[in-house]
Amino acid sequence: MMVVLRWNGTGTTIAGITSSAGSANNKLNTPYDIKLDNELNLYIADAVNCRIQKYLRDNLTGITIAGSAGSGCGASSTKLIYPAALLRYPNGDMYITDRENNRIQFWPNGANNSTTIAGMTGKYRKQEYVHYHTYYFVWQCFLQVSVEM
């Protein structure tokens, strides 16, 4: 699926372009996870584009706030490969499951790079094991924050 829809009986595209994947700021390619903030801005883990996009409320053009903005995927602290889940704190800091790098990245609000807080960059023989544990870690963070808020 290439778009994120808001339910209204027929569906309204609020991010991306129906049936048109791409890397432009108004397009997505395999969105994996979404979050909303208190101002109803939308945050999307845009997996194939290796980035986290922020869509301001009622705006169809996204802003890359983590990962690559057209410069490709990678394993450095400024890049992601297939971000699959994100946890966003009210202050804007994010934890991102960087799936193909087998790591969890802490991305401070407004920063141009991240810090690895769990996992290690690279592929392992038991990649499924690493993926399971990185997803589990993100959900544990989510549950902890939800309970404390």
Protein backbone atom coordinates (compact mmCIF):
# COMPACT_ATOMS: atom_id res chain seq x y z
CA MET A 1 0.00 0.00 0.00
CA MET A 2 1.41 3.37 -0.95
CA VAL A 3 -0.85 5.82 0.94
CA VAL A 4 -2.09 6.46 4.44
CA LEU A 5 -5.84 6.95 4.69
CA ARG A 6 -8.10 8.63 7.25
CA TRP A 7 -11.46 6.86 7.52
CA ASN A 8 -14.49 8.89 6.48
CA GLY A 9 -16.57 6.28 4.68
CA THR A 10 -14.71 6.60 1.39
CA GLY A 11 -11.18 7.37 2.59
CA THR A 12 -9.16 10.54 2.17
CA THR A 13 -5.50 10.50 1.22
CA ILE A 14 -3.56 12.46 3.83
CA ALA A 15 -0.04 11.39 2.84
CA GLY A 16 1.35 9.96 -0.37
CA ILE A 17 -0.27 9.58 -3.78
CA THR A 18 -2.61 6.67 -4.49
CA SER A 19 -0.97 3.97 -6.66
CA SER A 20 2.20 6.04 -7.10
CA ALA A 21 5.22 5.06 -5.02
CA GLY A 22 8.22 7.36 -5.08
CA SER A 23 10.84 9.30 -3.16
CA ALA A 24 9.61 12.86 -3.73
CA ASN A 25 8.42 14.69 -0.60
CA ASN A 26 4.79 14.15 -1.62
CA LYS A 27 5.25 10.38 -2.12
CA LEU A 28 5.90 7.32 0.03
CA ASN A 29 7.24 3.87 -0.72
CA THR A 30 6.13 1.11 1.65
CA PRO A 31 5.09 3.06 4.76
CA TYR A 32 5.43 0.76 7.78
CA ASP A 33 4.41 2.77 10.84
CA ILE A 34 2.62 6.02 11.63
CA LYS A 35 2.34 8.23 14.71
CA LEU A 36 0.42 11.43 15.43
CA ASP A 37 1.49 14.22 17.77
CA ASN A 38 -0.78 16.48 19.84
CA GLU A 39 -1.03 18.96 16.94
CA LEU A 40 -2.15 16.14 14.58
CA ASN A 41 1.07 16.17 12.59
CA LEU A 42 1.72 12.75 11.06
CA TYR A 43 5.04 10.86 11.30
CA ILE A 44 5.62 7.99 8.87
CA ALA A 45 8.34 5.33 8.73
CA ASP A 46 8.84 5.38 4.94
CA ALA A 47 10.68 2.07 4.70
CA VAL A 48 11.94 1.78 1.11
CA ASN A 49 12.95 5.45 1.07
CA CYS A 50 14.94 4.90 4.29
CA ARG A 51 13.51 7.93 6.06
CA ILE A 52 11.02 9.24 8.60
CA GLN A 53 8.65 11.79 7.08
CA LYS A 54 6.71 14.43 8.98
CA TYR A 55 3.48 15.70 7.43
CA LEU A 56 2.15 18.87 8.99
CA ARG A 57 -1.59 18.81 9.53
CA ASP A 58 -3.52 19.37 6.27
CA ASN A 59 -0.31 19.38 4.19
CA LEU A 60 0.34 16.77 1.47
CA THR A 61 4.10 17.42 1.31
CA GLY A 62 6.31 15.68 3.83
CA ILE A 63 9.54 16.81 5.50
CA THR A 64 12.37 14.32 6.06
CA ILE A 65 13.23 14.50 9.77
CA ALA A 66 15.34 11.33 10.07
CA GLY A 67 17.28 9.29 7.55
CA SER A 68 18.08 10.19 3.99
CA ALA A 69 16.48 12.96 2.00
CA GLY A 70 17.22 11.53 -1.42
CA SER A 71 20.84 10.51 -0.74
CA GLY A 72 20.18 6.81 -0.33
CA CYS A 73 20.11 4.27 2.44
CA GLY A 74 23.06 3.37 4.63
CA ALA A 75 24.51 2.32 7.94
CA SER A 76 26.02 5.61 9.16
CA SER A 77 24.51 7.57 12.04
CA THR A 78 22.77 9.86 9.51
CA LYS A 79 21.06 7.08 7.55
CA LEU A 80 18.60 4.22 7.93
CA ILE A 81 17.79 1.07 5.99
CA TYR A 82 14.10 0.08 6.06
CA PRO A 83 12.90 1.91 9.17
CA ALA A 84 9.95 -0.17 10.31
CA ALA A 85 8.69 1.33 13.57
CA LEU A 86 9.05 4.54 15.50
CA LEU A 87 8.34 5.82 18.95
CA ARG A 88 8.05 9.59 19.31
CA TYR A 89 8.24 11.38 22.64
CA PRO A 90 6.27 14.62 23.21
CA ASN A 91 9.54 16.61 23.04
CA GLY A 92 10.12 15.28 19.49
CA ASP A 93 12.87 12.76 20.27
CA MET A 94 12.40 9.43 18.47
CA TYR A 95 13.43 5.81 18.77
CA ILE A 96 13.50 4.12 15.36
CA THR A 97 13.73 0.44 14.49
CA ASP A 98 16.35 0.46 11.73
CA ARG A 99 15.35 -2.96 10.45
CA GLU A 100 18.00 -3.85 7.88
CA ASN A 101 20.80 -2.43 10.04
CA ASN A 102 19.59 -4.60 12.95
CA ARG A 103 19.62 -1.73 15.40
CA ILE A 104 17.50 0.74 17.37
CA GLN A 105 18.44 4.37 16.76
CA PHE A 106 17.81 7.28 19.13
CA TRP A 107 17.20 10.39 17.00
CA PRO A 108 17.03 13.61 19.06
CA ASN A 109 14.55 16.26 17.95
CA GLY A 110 16.08 18.48 15.28
CA ALA A 111 19.30 16.43 15.03
CA ASN A 112 20.98 15.43 11.78
CA ASN A 113 22.20 12.11 13.13
CA SER A 114 21.37 9.36 15.58
CA THR A 115 22.91 7.13 18.22
CA THR A 116 22.68 3.34 18.24
CA ILE A 117 21.18 2.27 21.56
CA ALA A 118 20.53 -1.43 20.84
CA GLY A 119 21.73 -3.94 18.29
CA MET A 120 24.66 -3.66 15.94
CA THR A 121 24.88 -2.56 12.33
CA GLY A 122 25.37 -5.44 9.92
CA LYS A 123 23.76 -8.69 8.93
CA TYR A 124 23.89 -11.82 11.06
CA ARG A 125 23.30 -15.48 10.35
CA LYS A 126 20.25 -15.41 12.58
CA GLN A 127 18.79 -12.17 11.20
CA GLU A 128 15.23 -13.14 12.20
CA TYR A 129 16.40 -13.39 15.81
CA VAL A 130 17.86 -9.88 15.72
CA HIS A 131 14.75 -8.47 14.02
CA TYR A 132 12.47 -10.06 16.61
CA HIS A 133 14.43 -8.54 19.46
CA THR A 134 14.64 -5.06 17.93
CA TYR A 135 10.88 -4.99 17.36
CA TYR A 136 10.32 -6.30 20.87
CA PHE A 137 12.52 -3.52 22.27
CA VAL A 138 10.55 -0.79 20.47
CA TRP A 139 7.23 -2.20 21.71
CA GLN A 140 8.63 -2.42 25.23
CA CYS A 141 9.60 1.29 25.00
CA PHE A 142 6.15 2.12 23.69
CA LEU A 143 4.43 0.27 26.54
CA GLN A 144 6.68 1.91 29.13
CA VAL A 145 6.02 5.41 27.79
CA SER A 146 2.28 4.72 27.50
CA VAL A 147 2.11 3.64 31.14
CA GLU A 148 4.08 6.65 32.36
CA MET A 149 2.14 9.27 30.34
